[in-house]
Amino acid sequence: GDGRVQAVTTDNVVLLGLISRNPGKYKLVGKSFTQEPYGIGLKKGDDA
């Protein structure tokens, strides 16, 4: 917004959330270039 950068990149749904808070200010390019599977991070070794 203040011009320090020309773009922001991260997951599409995260960007959609930011756009929803700033209507008319930003837009999504709409060209996804990765797949990002979201997981629940847990302590290693507690398989149960």
All heavy atoms as atom14 arrays in JSON, in Angstrom:
{
  "sequence": "GDGRVQAVTTDNVVLLGLISRNPGKYKLVGKSFTQEPYGIGLKKGDDA",
  "atom14_mask": [
    [1, 1, 1, 1, 0, 0, 0, 0, 0, 0, 0, 0, 0, 0],
    [1, 1, 1, 1, 1, 1, 1, 1, 0, 0, 0, 0, 0, 0],
    [1, 1, 1, 1, 0, 0, 0, 0, 0, 0, 0, 0, 0, 0],
    [1, 1, 1, 1, 1, 1, 1, 1, 1, 1, 1, 0, 0, 0],
    [1, 1, 1, 1, 1, 1, 1, 0, 0, 0, 0, 0, 0, 0],
    [1, 1, 1, 1, 1, 1, 1, 1, 1, 0, 0, 0, 0, 0],
    [1, 1, 1, 1, 1, 0, 0, 0, 0, 0, 0, 0, 0, 0],
    [1, 1, 1, 1, 1, 1, 1, 0, 0, 0, 0, 0, 0, 0],
    [1, 1, 1, 1, 1, 1, 1, 0, 0, 0, 0, 0, 0, 0],
    [1, 1, 1, 1, 1, 1, 1, 0, 0, 0, 0, 0, 0, 0],
    [1, 1, 1, 1, 1, 1, 1, 1, 0, 0, 0, 0, 0, 0],
    [1, 1, 1, 1, 1, 1, 1, 1, 0, 0, 0, 0, 0, 0],
    [1, 1, 1, 1, 1, 1, 1, 0, 0, 0, 0, 0, 0, 0],
    [1, 1, 1, 1, 1, 1, 1, 0, 0, 0, 0, 0, 0, 0],
    [1, 1, 1, 1, 1, 1, 1, 1, 0, 0, 0, 0, 0, 0],
    [1, 1, 1, 1, 1, 1, 1, 1, 0, 0, 0, 0, 0, 0],
    [1, 1, 1, 1, 0, 0, 0, 0, 0, 0, 0, 0, 0, 0],
    [1, 1, 1, 1, 1, 1, 1, 1, 0, 0, 0, 0, 0, 0],
    [1, 1, 1, 1, 1, 1, 1, 1, 0, 0, 0, 0, 0, 0],
    [1, 1, 1, 1, 1, 1, 0, 0, 0, 0, 0, 0, 0, 0],
    [1, 1, 1, 1, 1, 1, 1, 1, 1, 1, 1, 0, 0, 0],
    [1, 1, 1, 1, 1, 1, 1, 1, 0, 0, 0, 0, 0, 0],
    [1, 1, 1, 1, 1, 1, 1, 0, 0, 0, 0, 0, 0, 0],
    [1, 1, 1, 1, 0, 0, 0, 0, 0, 0, 0, 0, 0, 0],
    [1, 1, 1, 1, 1, 1, 1, 1, 1, 0, 0, 0, 0, 0],
    [1, 1, 1, 1, 1, 1, 1, 1, 1, 1, 1, 1, 0, 0],
    [1, 1, 1, 1, 1, 1, 1, 1, 1, 0, 0, 0, 0, 0],
    [1, 1, 1, 1, 1, 1, 1, 1, 0, 0, 0, 0, 0, 0],
    [1, 1, 1, 1, 1, 1, 1, 0, 0, 0, 0, 0, 0, 0],
    [1, 1, 1, 1, 0, 0, 0, 0, 0, 0, 0, 0, 0, 0],
    [1, 1, 1, 1, 1, 1, 1, 1, 1, 0, 0, 0, 0, 0],
    [1, 1, 1, 1, 1, 1, 0, 0, 0, 0, 0, 0, 0, 0],
    [1, 1, 1, 1, 1, 1, 1, 1, 1, 1, 1, 0, 0, 0],
    [1, 1, 1, 1, 1, 1, 1, 0, 0, 0, 0, 0, 0, 0],
    [1, 1, 1, 1, 1, 1, 1, 1, 1, 0, 0, 0, 0, 0],
    [1, 1, 1, 1, 1, 1, 1, 1, 1, 0, 0, 0, 0, 0],
    [1, 1, 1, 1, 1, 1, 1, 0, 0, 0, 0, 0, 0, 0],
    [1, 1, 1, 1, 1, 1, 1, 1, 1, 1, 1, 1, 0, 0],
    [1, 1, 1, 1, 0, 0, 0, 0, 0, 0, 0, 0, 0, 0],
    [1, 1, 1, 1, 1, 1, 1, 1, 0, 0, 0, 0, 0, 0],
    [1, 1, 1, 1, 0, 0, 0, 0, 0, 0, 0, 0, 0, 0],
    [1, 1, 1, 1, 1, 1, 1, 1, 0, 0, 0, 0, 0, 0],
    [1, 1, 1, 1, 1, 1, 1, 1, 1, 0, 0, 0, 0, 0],
    [1, 1, 1, 1, 1, 1, 1, 1, 1, 0, 0, 0, 0, 0],
    [1, 1, 1, 1, 0, 0, 0, 0, 0, 0, 0, 0, 0, 0],
    [1, 1, 1, 1, 1, 1, 1, 1, 0, 0, 0, 0, 0, 0],
    [1, 1, 1, 1, 1, 1, 1, 1, 0, 0, 0, 0, 0, 0],
    [1, 1, 1, 1, 1, 0, 0, 0, 0, 0, 0, 0, 0, 0]
  ],
  "atom14_positions": [
    [[0.8, -1.21, 0.0], [0.0, 0.0, 0.0], [0.83, 1.26, 0.0], [0.47, 2.25, -0.66], [0.0, 0.0, 0.0], [0.0, 0.0, 0.0], [0.0, 0.0, 0.0], [0.0, 0.0, 0.0], [0.0, 0.0, 0.0], [0.0, 0.0, 0.0], [0.0, 0.0, 0.0], [0.0, 0.0, 0.0], [0.0, 0.0, 0.0], [0.0, 0.0, 0.0]],
    [[1.97, 1.25, 0.71], [2.78, 2.48, 0.8], [3.91, 2.52, -0.23], [4.73, 3.43, -0.23], [3.32, 2.69, 2.21], [4.29, 1.62, 2.68], [4.96, 0.98, 1.84], [4.39, 1.4, 3.91], [0.0, 0.0, 0.0], [0.0, 0.0, 0.0], [0.0, 0.0, 0.0], [0.0, 0.0, 0.0], [0.0, 0.0, 0.0], [0.0, 0.0, 0.0]],
    [[3.95, 1.54, -1.12], [4.88, 1.59, -2.23], [6.26, 1.02, -1.99], [7.13, 1.11, -2.86], [0.0, 0.0, 0.0], [0.0, 0.0, 0.0], [0.0, 0.0, 0.0], [0.0, 0.0, 0.0], [0.0, 0.0, 0.0], [0.0, 0.0, 0.0], [0.0, 0.0, 0.0], [0.0, 0.0, 0.0], [0.0, 0.0, 0.0], [0.0, 0.0, 0.0]],
    [[6.48, 0.41, -0.84], [7.8, -0.2, -0.6], [8.03, -1.4, -1.5], [9.18, -1.76, -1.79], [7.93, -0.61, 0.87], [8.27, 0.53, 1.82], [8.3, 0.04, 3.25], [6.95, -0.2, 3.77], [6.67, -0.98, 4.8], [7.66, -1.64, 5.41], [5.43, -1.12, 5.21], [0.0, 0.0, 0.0], [0.0, 0.0, 0.0], [0.0, 0.0, 0.0]],
    [[6.96, -2.08, -1.89], [7.06, -3.22, -2.8], [6.0, -3.08, -3.89], [5.04, -2.3, -3.77], [6.87, -4.57, -2.07], [7.96, -4.78, -1.04], [5.49, -4.67, -1.42], [0.0, 0.0, 0.0], [0.0, 0.0, 0.0], [0.0, 0.0, 0.0], [0.0, 0.0, 0.0], [0.0, 0.0, 0.0], [0.0, 0.0, 0.0], [0.0, 0.0, 0.0]],
    [[6.16, -3.87, -4.95], [5.19, -3.85, -6.05], [4.25, -5.04, -6.02], [3.28, -5.08, -6.78], [5.95, -3.83, -7.38], [6.7, -2.53, -7.64], [7.62, -2.63, -8.83], [8.8, -2.98, -8.69], [7.11, -2.36, -10.01], [0.0, 0.0, 0.0], [0.0, 0.0, 0.0], [0.0, 0.0, 0.0], [0.0, 0.0, 0.0], [0.0, 0.0, 0.0]],
    [[4.54, -6.01, -5.16], [3.69, -7.2, -5.1], [3.88, -7.91, -3.77], [4.9, -7.74, -3.08], [4.02, -8.15, -6.25], [0.0, 0.0, 0.0], [0.0, 0.0, 0.0], [0.0, 0.0, 0.0], [0.0, 0.0, 0.0], [0.0, 0.0, 0.0], [0.0, 0.0, 0.0], [0.0, 0.0, 0.0], [0.0, 0.0, 0.0], [0.0, 0.0, 0.0]],
    [[2.89, -8.7, -3.42], [2.96, -9.61, -2.27], [2.67, -11.0, -2.8], [1.74, -11.18, -3.61], [1.92, -9.24, -1.19], [1.96, -10.25, -0.04], [2.16, -7.83, -0.67], [0.0, 0.0, 0.0], [0.0, 0.0, 0.0], [0.0, 0.0, 0.0], [0.0, 0.0, 0.0], [0.0, 0.0, 0.0], [0.0, 0.0, 0.0], [0.0, 0.0, 0.0]],
    [[3.43, -11.99, -2.36], [3.16, -13.35, -2.81], [3.05, -14.3, -1.63], [3.87, -14.29, -0.72], [4.22, -13.86, -3.81], [3.85, -15.17, -4.26], [5.61, -13.91, -3.19], [0.0, 0.0, 0.0], [0.0, 0.0, 0.0], [0.0, 0.0, 0.0], [0.0, 0.0, 0.0], [0.0, 0.0, 0.0], [0.0, 0.0, 0.0], [0.0, 0.0, 0.0]],
    [[2.0, -15.07, -1.65], [1.77, -16.18, -0.72], [0.57, -16.96, -1.23], [0.17, -16.81, -2.4], [1.57, -15.68, 0.73], [1.54, -16.84, 1.59], [0.3, -14.89, 0.9], [0.0, 0.0, 0.0], [0.0, 0.0, 0.0], [0.0, 0.0, 0.0], [0.0, 0.0, 0.0], [0.0, 0.0, 0.0], [0.0, 0.0, 0.0], [0.0, 0.0, 0.0]],
    [[-0.04, -17.77, -0.38], [-1.14, -18.62, -0.82], [-2.36, -17.8, -1.22], [-2.68, -16.78, -0.59], [-1.51, -19.6, 0.29], [-0.31, -20.44, 0.71], [0.66, -20.53, -0.08], [-0.34, -20.99, 1.82], [0.0, 0.0, 0.0], [0.0, 0.0, 0.0], [0.0, 0.0, 0.0], [0.0, 0.0, 0.0], [0.0, 0.0, 0.0], [0.0, 0.0, 0.0]],
    [[-3.05, -18.27, -2.26], [-4.16, -17.51, -2.84], [-5.25, -17.15, -1.82], [-5.75, -16.02, -1.82], [-4.76, -18.26, -4.03], [-5.02, -19.73, -3.77], [-4.93, -20.21, -2.64], [-5.34, -20.46, -4.82], [0.0, 0.0, 0.0], [0.0, 0.0, 0.0], [0.0, 0.0, 0.0], [0.0, 0.0, 0.0], [0.0, 0.0, 0.0], [0.0, 0.0, 0.0]],
    [[-5.6, -18.1, -0.94], [-6.67, -17.81, 0.01], [-6.25, -16.79, 1.05], [-7.07, -16.02, 1.55], [-7.17, -19.11, 0.7], [-7.98, -19.95, -0.26], [-6.02, -19.9, 1.29], [0.0, 0.0, 0.0], [0.0, 0.0, 0.0], [0.0, 0.0, 0.0], [0.0, 0.0, 0.0], [0.0, 0.0, 0.0], [0.0, 0.0, 0.0], [0.0, 0.0, 0.0]],
    [[-4.96, -16.76, 1.39], [-4.45, -15.75, 2.31], [-4.56, -14.37, 1.66], [-5.0, -13.4, 2.28], [-3.0, -16.06, 2.71], [-2.4, -14.93, 3.53], [-2.92, -17.38, 3.48], [0.0, 0.0, 0.0], [0.0, 0.0, 0.0], [0.0, 0.0, 0.0], [0.0, 0.0, 0.0], [0.0, 0.0, 0.0], [0.0, 0.0, 0.0], [0.0, 0.0, 0.0]],
    [[-4.18, -14.3, 0.4], [-4.27, -13.03, -0.32], [-5.72, -12.59, -0.49], [-6.03, -11.39, -0.38], [-3.59, -13.16, -1.69], [-2.08, -13.43, -1.65], [-1.54, -13.66, -3.05], [-1.33, -12.31, -0.96], [0.0, 0.0, 0.0], [0.0, 0.0, 0.0], [0.0, 0.0, 0.0], [0.0, 0.0, 0.0], [0.0, 0.0, 0.0], [0.0, 0.0, 0.0]],
    [[-6.62, -13.53, -0.75], [-8.04, -13.18, -0.86], [-8.55, -12.56, 0.44], [-9.36, -11.64, 0.42], [-8.87, -14.43, -1.21], [-8.83, -14.88, -2.67], [-9.51, -16.23, -2.81], [-9.48, -13.86, -3.58], [0.0, 0.0, 0.0], [0.0, 0.0, 0.0], [0.0, 0.0, 0.0], [0.0, 0.0, 0.0], [0.0, 0.0, 0.0], [0.0, 0.0, 0.0]],
    [[-8.07, -13.08, 1.56], [-8.46, -12.52, 2.85], [-7.98, -11.09, 3.0], [-8.72, -10.21, 3.47], [0.0, 0.0, 0.0], [0.0, 0.0, 0.0], [0.0, 0.0, 0.0], [0.0, 0.0, 0.0], [0.0, 0.0, 0.0], [0.0, 0.0, 0.0], [0.0, 0.0, 0.0], [0.0, 0.0, 0.0], [0.0, 0.0, 0.0], [0.0, 0.0, 0.0]],
    [[-6.74, -10.81, 2.58], [-6.22, -9.45, 2.64], [-6.97, -8.52, 1.7], [-7.27, -7.37, 2.04], [-4.72, -9.46, 2.29], [-3.8, -10.18, 3.27], [-2.39, -10.3, 2.69], [-3.76, -9.48, 4.62], [0.0, 0.0, 0.0], [0.0, 0.0, 0.0], [0.0, 0.0, 0.0], [0.0, 0.0, 0.0], [0.0, 0.0, 0.0], [0.0, 0.0, 0.0]],
    [[-7.31, -9.01, 0.52], [-8.07, -8.22, -0.45], [-9.45, -7.88, 0.09], [-9.96, -6.78, -0.09], [-8.15, -8.96, -1.8], [-6.77, -9.0, -2.45], [-9.16, -8.3, -2.73], [-6.66, -9.97, -3.62], [0.0, 0.0, 0.0], [0.0, 0.0, 0.0], [0.0, 0.0, 0.0], [0.0, 0.0, 0.0], [0.0, 0.0, 0.0], [0.0, 0.0, 0.0]],
    [[-10.06, -8.85, 0.82], [-11.41, -8.63, 1.35], [-11.43, -7.51, 2.39], [-12.47, -6.89, 2.61], [-11.94, -9.93, 1.98], [-11.32, -10.21, 3.23], [0.0, 0.0, 0.0], [0.0, 0.0, 0.0], [0.0, 0.0, 0.0], [0.0, 0.0, 0.0], [0.0, 0.0, 0.0], [0.0, 0.0, 0.0], [0.0, 0.0, 0.0], [0.0, 0.0, 0.0]],
    [[-10.29, -7.24, 3.0], [-10.21, -6.17, 4.0], [-9.88, -4.82, 3.38], [-9.94, -3.8, 4.05], [-9.15, -6.52, 5.05], [-9.42, -7.81, 5.82], [-8.41, -8.01, 6.92], [-8.61, -7.06, 8.01], [-7.76, -6.9, 9.02], [-6.65, -7.61, 9.06], [-8.0, -6.03, 9.98], [0.0, 0.0, 0.0], [0.0, 0.0, 0.0], [0.0, 0.0, 0.0]],
    [[-9.52, -4.83, 2.1], [-9.12, -3.6, 1.41], [-9.82, -3.52, 0.06], [-9.16, -3.54, -1.0], [-7.6, -3.58, 1.22], [-6.84, -3.61, 2.53], [-6.61, -2.59, 3.15], [-6.44, -4.81, 2.96], [0.0, 0.0, 0.0], [0.0, 0.0, 0.0], [0.0, 0.0, 0.0], [0.0, 0.0, 0.0], [0.0, 0.0, 0.0], [0.0, 0.0, 0.0]],
    [[-11.14, -3.45, 0.04], [-11.88, -3.48, -1.24], [-11.47, -2.36, -2.17], [-11.36, -1.2, -1.76], [-13.34, -3.34, -0.8], [-13.28, -2.73, 0.57], [-12.04, -3.26, 1.19], [0.0, 0.0, 0.0], [0.0, 0.0, 0.0], [0.0, 0.0, 0.0], [0.0, 0.0, 0.0], [0.0, 0.0, 0.0], [0.0, 0.0, 0.0], [0.0, 0.0, 0.0]],
    [[-11.21, -2.75, -3.43], [-10.85, -1.77, -4.44], [-9.4, -1.36, -4.44], [-8.96, -0.65, -5.34], [0.0, 0.0, 0.0], [0.0, 0.0, 0.0], [0.0, 0.0, 0.0], [0.0, 0.0, 0.0], [0.0, 0.0, 0.0], [0.0, 0.0, 0.0], [0.0, 0.0, 0.0], [0.0, 0.0, 0.0], [0.0, 0.0, 0.0], [0.0, 0.0, 0.0]],
    [[-8.63, -1.81, -3.46], [-7.24, -1.37, -3.32], [-6.27, -2.35, -3.96], [-5.29, -1.94, -4.61], [-6.91, -1.18, -1.84], [-5.56, -0.5, -1.58], [-5.4, -0.19, -0.09], [-4.08, 0.54, 0.17], [-3.91, 0.87, 1.61], [0.0, 0.0, 0.0], [0.0, 0.0, 0.0], [0.0, 0.0, 0.0], [0.0, 0.0, 0.0], [0.0, 0.0, 0.0]],
    [[-6.51, -3.64, -3.76], [-5.64, -4.68, -4.28], [-6.42, -5.67, -5.14], [-7.65, -5.73, -5.07], [-4.97, -5.45, -3.13], [-4.25, -4.6, -2.12], [-4.5, -4.73, -0.76], [-3.29, -3.67, -2.52], [-3.84, -3.95, 0.18], [-2.62, -2.88, -1.59], [-2.9, -3.03, -0.24], [-2.24, -2.27, 0.67], [0.0, 0.0, 0.0], [0.0, 0.0, 0.0]],
    [[-5.68, -6.47, -5.91], [-6.3, -7.53, -6.69], [-5.39, -8.75, -6.72], [-4.17, -8.65, -6.5], [-6.61, -7.06, -8.11], [-5.38, -6.8, -8.96], [-5.74, -6.33, -10.36], [-4.48, -6.07, -11.2], [-4.81, -5.58, -12.56], [0.0, 0.0, 0.0], [0.0, 0.0, 0.0], [0.0, 0.0, 0.0], [0.0, 0.0, 0.0], [0.0, 0.0, 0.0]],
    [[-6.0, -9.9, -7.0], [-5.26, -11.15, -7.14], [-4.91, -11.33, -8.62], [-5.78, -11.19, -9.49], [-6.12, -12.32, -6.66], [-5.44, -13.67, -6.48], [-4.48, -13.64, -5.29], [-6.48, -14.77, -6.26], [0.0, 0.0, 0.0], [0.0, 0.0, 0.0], [0.0, 0.0, 0.0], [0.0, 0.0, 0.0], [0.0, 0.0, 0.0], [0.0, 0.0, 0.0]],
    [[-3.66, -11.64, -8.91], [-3.26, -11.89, -10.29], [-4.0, -13.11, -10.84], [-4.41, -13.16, -12.0], [-1.73, -12.06, -10.39], [-1.32, -12.57, -11.76], [-1.05, -10.73, -10.09], [0.0, 0.0, 0.0], [0.0, 0.0, 0.0], [0.0, 0.0, 0.0], [0.0, 0.0, 0.0], [0.0, 0.0, 0.0], [0.0, 0.0, 0.0], [0.0, 0.0, 0.0]],
    [[-4.18, -14.13, -9.98], [-4.97, -15.29, -10.39], [-4.2, -16.31, -11.19], [-4.78, -17.03, -12.01], [0.0, 0.0, 0.0], [0.0, 0.0, 0.0], [0.0, 0.0, 0.0], [0.0, 0.0, 0.0], [0.0, 0.0, 0.0], [0.0, 0.0, 0.0], [0.0, 0.0, 0.0], [0.0, 0.0, 0.0], [0.0, 0.0, 0.0], [0.0, 0.0, 0.0]],
    [[-2.9, -16.42, -10.95], [-2.06, -17.41, -11.63], [-1.27, -18.2, -10.58], [-0.1, -17.92, -10.32], [-1.12, -16.71, -12.6], [-1.79, -16.01, -13.77], [-2.3, -17.0, -14.79], [-2.93, -16.27, -15.97], [-1.96, -15.5, -16.76], [0.0, 0.0, 0.0], [0.0, 0.0, 0.0], [0.0, 0.0, 0.0], [0.0, 0.0, 0.0], [0.0, 0.0, 0.0]],
    [[-1.92, -19.18, -9.96], [-1.24, -19.99, -8.95], [-0.09, -20.76, -9.6], [-0.22, -21.28, -10.72], [-2.21, -20.97, -8.3], [-3.19, -20.28, -7.57], [0.0, 0.0, 0.0], [0.0, 0.0, 0.0], [0.0, 0.0, 0.0], [0.0, 0.0, 0.0], [0.0, 0.0, 0.0], [0.0, 0.0, 0.0], [0.0, 0.0, 0.0], [0.0, 0.0, 0.0]],
    [[1.04, -20.86, -8.9], [2.19, -21.55, -9.47], [2.75, -22.64, -8.55], [3.81, -23.2, -8.83], [3.29, -20.55, -9.86], [3.71, -19.58, -8.77], [4.78, -19.88, -7.94], [3.02, -18.39, -8.6], [5.17, -18.99, -6.95], [3.42, -17.49, -7.62], [4.49, -17.79, -6.79], [0.0, 0.0, 0.0], [0.0, 0.0, 0.0], [0.0, 0.0, 0.0]],
    [[2.04, -22.95, -7.47], [2.43, -24.07, -6.6], [1.17, -24.71, -6.02], [0.07, -24.17, -6.16], [3.3, -23.62, -5.4], [2.48, -22.83, -4.52], [4.51, -22.83, -5.85], [0.0, 0.0, 0.0], [0.0, 0.0, 0.0], [0.0, 0.0, 0.0], [0.0, 0.0, 0.0], [0.0, 0.0, 0.0], [0.0, 0.0, 0.0], [0.0, 0.0, 0.0]],
    [[1.35, -25.84, -5.36], [0.32, -26.43, -4.51], [0.84, -26.44, -3.08], [1.99, -26.84, -2.84], [-0.03, -27.85, -4.95], [-0.92, -27.91, -6.18], [-1.58, -29.27, -6.32], [-1.0, -30.3, -5.95], [-2.79, -29.29, -6.84], [0.0, 0.0, 0.0], [0.0, 0.0, 0.0], [0.0, 0.0, 0.0], [0.0, 0.0, 0.0], [0.0, 0.0, 0.0]],
    [[0.01, -25.98, -2.14], [0.42, -25.84, -0.75], [-0.54, -26.62, 0.15], [-1.6, -26.14, 0.52], [0.41, -24.36, -0.34], [1.24, -23.45, -1.24], [2.72, -23.77, -1.22], [3.2, -24.29, -0.19], [3.4, -23.51, -2.23], [0.0, 0.0, 0.0], [0.0, 0.0, 0.0], [0.0, 0.0, 0.0], [0.0, 0.0, 0.0], [0.0, 0.0, 0.0]],
    [[-0.18, -27.87, 0.51], [-1.04, -28.65, 1.41], [-0.87, -28.2, 2.86], [0.22, -28.31, 3.42], [-0.54, -30.09, 1.21], [0.9, -29.93, 0.78], [1.0, -28.63, 0.04], [0.0, 0.0, 0.0], [0.0, 0.0, 0.0], [0.0, 0.0, 0.0], [0.0, 0.0, 0.0], [0.0, 0.0, 0.0], [0.0, 0.0, 0.0], [0.0, 0.0, 0.0]],
    [[-1.95, -27.69, 3.45], [-1.88, -27.22, 4.83], [-2.03, -28.39, 5.8], [-2.97, -29.2, 5.69], [-3.01, -26.23, 5.11], [-2.87, -24.88, 4.45], [-3.91, -23.96, 4.52], [-1.72, -24.51, 3.78], [-3.8, -22.71, 3.91], [-1.6, -23.27, 3.18], [-2.64, -22.37, 3.24], [-2.53, -21.14, 2.66], [0.0, 0.0, 0.0], [0.0, 0.0, 0.0]],
    [[-1.1, -28.47, 6.75], [-1.15, -29.53, 7.74], [-1.2, -28.97, 9.15], [-1.01, -27.78, 9.39], [0.0, 0.0, 0.0], [0.0, 0.0, 0.0], [0.0, 0.0, 0.0], [0.0, 0.0, 0.0], [0.0, 0.0, 0.0], [0.0, 0.0, 0.0], [0.0, 0.0, 0.0], [0.0, 0.0, 0.0], [0.0, 0.0, 0.0], [0.0, 0.0, 0.0]],
    [[-1.45, -29.85, 10.1], [-1.44, -29.51, 11.53], [-0.1, -29.97, 12.09], [0.2, -31.16, 12.13], [-2.61, -30.2, 12.26], [-3.94, -29.71, 11.67], [-2.55, -29.92, 13.76], [-5.16, -30.41, 12.25], [0.0, 0.0, 0.0], [0.0, 0.0, 0.0], [0.0, 0.0, 0.0], [0.0, 0.0, 0.0], [0.0, 0.0, 0.0], [0.0, 0.0, 0.0]],
    [[0.71, -29.0, 12.51], [2.03, -29.31, 13.03], [1.98, -29.86, 14.44], [1.3, -29.3, 15.31], [0.0, 0.0, 0.0], [0.0, 0.0, 0.0], [0.0, 0.0, 0.0], [0.0, 0.0, 0.0], [0.0, 0.0, 0.0], [0.0, 0.0, 0.0], [0.0, 0.0, 0.0], [0.0, 0.0, 0.0], [0.0, 0.0, 0.0], [0.0, 0.0, 0.0]],
    [[2.7, -30.96, 14.69], [2.68, -31.66, 15.97], [4.11, -32.03, 16.39], [5.02, -32.1, 15.54], [1.85, -32.94, 15.86], [0.43, -32.8, 15.31], [-0.15, -34.16, 14.99], [-0.45, -32.04, 16.28], [0.0, 0.0, 0.0], [0.0, 0.0, 0.0], [0.0, 0.0, 0.0], [0.0, 0.0, 0.0], [0.0, 0.0, 0.0], [0.0, 0.0, 0.0]],
    [[4.27, -32.28, 17.68], [5.59, -32.67, 18.18], [6.01, -34.0, 17.55], [5.22, -34.94, 17.46], [5.57, -32.79, 19.7], [6.96, -32.82, 20.32], [6.93, -32.49, 21.79], [8.32, -32.27, 22.35], [8.31, -31.89, 23.77], [0.0, 0.0, 0.0], [0.0, 0.0, 0.0], [0.0, 0.0, 0.0], [0.0, 0.0, 0.0], [0.0, 0.0, 0.0]],
    [[7.25, -34.07, 17.14], [7.73, -35.25, 16.45], [7.74, -36.46, 17.38], [8.17, -36.38, 18.52], [9.14, -34.98, 15.93], [9.55, -35.89, 14.78], [10.77, -35.33, 14.06], [11.14, -36.21, 12.87], [10.09, -36.24, 11.85], [0.0, 0.0, 0.0], [0.0, 0.0, 0.0], [0.0, 0.0, 0.0], [0.0, 0.0, 0.0], [0.0, 0.0, 0.0]],
    [[7.22, -37.58, 16.87], [7.3, -38.84, 17.58], [6.07, -39.27, 18.34], [5.99, -40.44, 18.75], [0.0, 0.0, 0.0], [0.0, 0.0, 0.0], [0.0, 0.0, 0.0], [0.0, 0.0, 0.0], [0.0, 0.0, 0.0], [0.0, 0.0, 0.0], [0.0, 0.0, 0.0], [0.0, 0.0, 0.0], [0.0, 0.0, 0.0], [0.0, 0.0, 0.0]],
    [[5.1, -38.37, 18.56], [3.88, -38.76, 19.26], [2.86, -39.26, 18.23], [1.9, -38.58, 17.87], [3.3, -37.59, 20.06], [2.23, -38.03, 21.06], [1.69, -39.15, 20.89], [1.92, -37.27, 21.99], [0.0, 0.0, 0.0], [0.0, 0.0, 0.0], [0.0, 0.0, 0.0], [0.0, 0.0, 0.0], [0.0, 0.0, 0.0], [0.0, 0.0, 0.0]],
    [[3.11, -40.48, 17.74], [2.3, -41.02, 16.66], [0.84, -41.24, 17.07], [-0.06, -41.14, 16.24], [2.89, -42.34, 16.17], [4.23, -42.15, 15.46], [4.5, -41.01, 15.02], [5.0, -43.13, 15.35], [0.0, 0.0, 0.0], [0.0, 0.0, 0.0], [0.0, 0.0, 0.0], [0.0, 0.0, 0.0], [0.0, 0.0, 0.0], [0.0, 0.0, 0.0]],
    [[0.62, -41.54, 18.34], [-0.76, -41.77, 18.8], [-1.58, -40.48, 18.7], [-2.74, -40.51, 18.28], [-0.75, -42.28, 20.24], [0.0, 0.0, 0.0], [0.0, 0.0, 0.0], [0.0, 0.0, 0.0], [0.0, 0.0, 0.0], [0.0, 0.0, 0.0], [0.0, 0.0, 0.0], [0.0, 0.0, 0.0], [0.0, 0.0, 0.0], [0.0, 0.0, 0.0]]
  ]
}
